[in-house]
Amino acid sequence: MASAAPSRSASRTLSAHELTRRDWQVLHSLALQGPLARPVLSGLLEPFWEPGARTLDEVAGALIARGRLTADGDTLALTEAGRRTHAEVATLVDAGRACLMRGLTDDDYLRTVTVLDRMTANLTPGR
C-alpha cells in the first residue's frame, strides 16, 4: 500500500537509532521546548498518543536507561547523547519529509490533513 510507505520509512529511520515513534516524540519535544515537567510533556504529547500504547513514564524510563534523558524530580531533559541522537535523526526525518512533500504546497498538505481528520472523525463513534 503506497500510503504506508512514509510510515515504514520513518519507522526504519527511527529503529536504526533504537527509537520508537514515541521515543522520537519525547526527544523532539524536549529538543524544541527544553526541560519539561512530566505533566506538561504529557499534555503536549497526548493528542498524538493513542490509548493503550506505552506511557510517558515507560518511554522516559527506557530513554533514561539508554542515557538519552535525565530526570530531576519530575522534570525530564535531554542528555548530551540525547541531543546528539536528536540532531542525527532530525536530519533524516527532515530529509524524509522533504521527499514526501516534493511537488506539494503547504496548502496541499493542510487540505489533505484536514480531509483525513474529517474522515477519521466520521468513523469515530461520539465524535
Protein backbone atom coordinates (compact mmCIF):
# COMPACT_ATOMS: atom_id res chain seq x y z
CA MET A 1 0.00 0.00 0.00
CA ALA A 2 1.54 3.35 -1.01
CA SER A 3 0.12 5.28 1.95
CA ALA A 4 2.00 3.06 4.41
CA ALA A 5 5.37 3.71 2.75
CA PRO A 6 6.15 7.02 4.53
CA SER A 7 5.31 5.43 7.88
CA ARG A 8 7.55 2.42 7.16
CA SER A 9 10.36 4.74 6.08
CA ALA A 10 10.06 6.78 9.29
CA SER A 11 9.95 3.58 11.35
CA ARG A 12 13.14 2.32 9.68
CA THR A 13 14.87 5.65 10.33
CA LEU A 14 13.87 5.57 13.99
CA SER A 15 14.66 1.89 14.56
CA ALA A 16 18.13 2.36 13.06
CA HIS A 17 18.72 4.69 16.02
CA GLU A 18 16.99 2.34 18.50
CA LEU A 19 13.97 4.62 18.78
CA THR A 20 10.23 4.15 18.53
CA ARG A 21 7.87 6.84 17.29
CA ARG A 22 7.02 7.69 20.91
CA ASP A 23 10.71 7.85 21.84
CA TRP A 24 11.21 10.29 18.97
CA GLN A 25 8.25 12.44 20.02
CA VAL A 26 9.67 12.76 23.53
CA LEU A 27 13.19 13.57 22.29
CA HIS A 28 11.89 16.05 19.72
CA SER A 29 9.58 17.80 22.18
CA LEU A 30 12.38 18.21 24.71
CA ALA A 31 14.78 19.39 21.99
CA LEU A 32 12.29 22.08 20.93
CA GLN A 33 10.97 23.07 24.36
CA GLY A 34 13.89 22.37 26.70
CA PRO A 35 13.44 20.53 30.01
CA LEU A 36 9.80 19.90 30.89
CA ALA A 37 7.86 18.56 33.83
CA ARG A 38 6.25 15.21 33.04
CA PRO A 39 2.67 16.56 33.25
CA VAL A 40 3.49 19.36 30.80
CA LEU A 41 5.21 16.99 28.37
CA SER A 42 2.35 14.52 28.71
CA GLY A 43 -0.13 17.29 27.84
CA LEU A 44 1.86 18.23 24.73
CA LEU A 45 2.01 14.64 23.51
CA GLU A 46 -1.50 13.49 24.46
CA PRO A 47 -3.17 14.47 21.15
CA PHE A 48 -0.67 12.29 19.27
CA TRP A 49 -0.62 9.24 21.54
CA GLU A 50 -3.35 6.67 21.13
CA PRO A 51 -4.68 4.95 24.26
CA GLY A 52 -3.21 1.60 25.21
CA ALA A 53 0.31 2.20 23.95
CA ARG A 54 3.43 2.83 26.04
CA THR A 55 3.03 5.54 28.66
CA LEU A 56 5.27 8.58 29.05
CA ASP A 57 6.75 7.01 32.18
CA GLU A 58 7.63 3.85 30.23
CA VAL A 59 9.13 5.82 27.33
CA ALA A 60 11.06 8.14 29.65
CA GLY A 61 12.33 5.20 31.71
CA ALA A 62 13.69 3.48 28.60
CA LEU A 63 15.32 6.69 27.33
CA ILE A 64 16.84 7.34 30.76
CA ALA A 65 18.19 3.77 30.86
CA ARG A 66 19.83 4.34 27.45
CA GLY A 67 21.40 7.60 28.59
CA ARG A 68 19.34 9.89 26.36
CA LEU A 69 17.30 11.59 29.09
CA THR A 70 17.78 12.65 32.67
CA ALA A 71 15.15 13.12 35.31
CA ASP A 72 15.50 15.74 38.03
CA GLY A 73 12.46 15.12 40.18
CA ASP A 74 9.53 15.40 37.79
CA THR A 75 11.49 17.27 35.10
CA LEU A 76 12.84 15.48 32.05
CA ALA A 77 15.72 16.82 29.96
CA LEU A 78 17.95 15.61 27.14
CA THR A 79 21.46 14.44 27.92
CA GLU A 80 24.31 15.20 25.56
CA ALA A 81 23.76 11.77 23.98
CA GLY A 82 20.06 12.60 23.64
CA ARG A 83 20.88 15.88 21.91
CA ARG A 84 23.25 14.10 19.51
CA THR A 85 20.67 11.42 18.75
CA HIS A 86 18.01 14.06 18.18
CA ALA A 87 20.25 16.04 15.82
CA GLU A 88 21.15 12.93 13.77
CA VAL A 89 17.57 11.70 13.50
CA ALA A 90 16.13 15.18 12.87
CA THR A 91 18.33 15.46 9.77
CA LEU A 92 16.95 12.16 8.46
CA VAL A 93 13.34 12.99 9.39
CA ASP A 94 13.63 16.37 7.66
CA ALA A 95 15.04 14.73 4.53
CA GLY A 96 12.19 12.21 4.52
CA ARG A 97 9.63 14.97 4.97
CA ALA A 98 11.18 16.96 2.11
CA CYS A 99 10.94 13.89 -0.13
CA LEU A 100 7.32 13.30 0.89
CA MET A 101 6.39 16.94 0.24
CA ARG A 102 8.16 17.21 -3.12
CA GLY A 103 5.77 18.90 -5.57
CA LEU A 104 3.24 19.76 -2.85
CA THR A 105 2.47 23.10 -1.29
CA ASP A 106 1.77 23.75 2.37
CA ASP A 107 -1.87 24.30 1.35
CA ASP A 108 -1.95 20.86 -0.31
CA TYR A 109 -0.68 19.32 2.91
CA LEU A 110 -3.12 21.23 5.11
CA ARG A 111 -6.09 20.29 2.90
CA THR A 112 -5.06 16.63 2.95
CA VAL A 113 -4.65 16.52 6.71
CA THR A 114 -7.97 18.34 7.21
CA VAL A 115 -9.80 15.88 4.95
CA LEU A 116 -8.20 12.87 6.64
CA ASP A 117 -9.11 14.27 10.06
CA ARG A 118 -12.73 14.70 8.94
CA MET A 119 -12.80 11.15 7.59
CA THR A 120 -11.41 9.80 10.86
CA ALA A 121 -13.98 11.82 12.82
CA ASN A 122 -16.75 10.38 10.64
CA LEU A 123 -15.67 6.88 11.62
CA THR A 124 -15.11 7.63 15.31
CA PRO A 125 -18.19 7.00 17.45
CA GLY A 126 -19.24 10.02 19.51
CA ARG A 127 -17.06 12.47 17.62
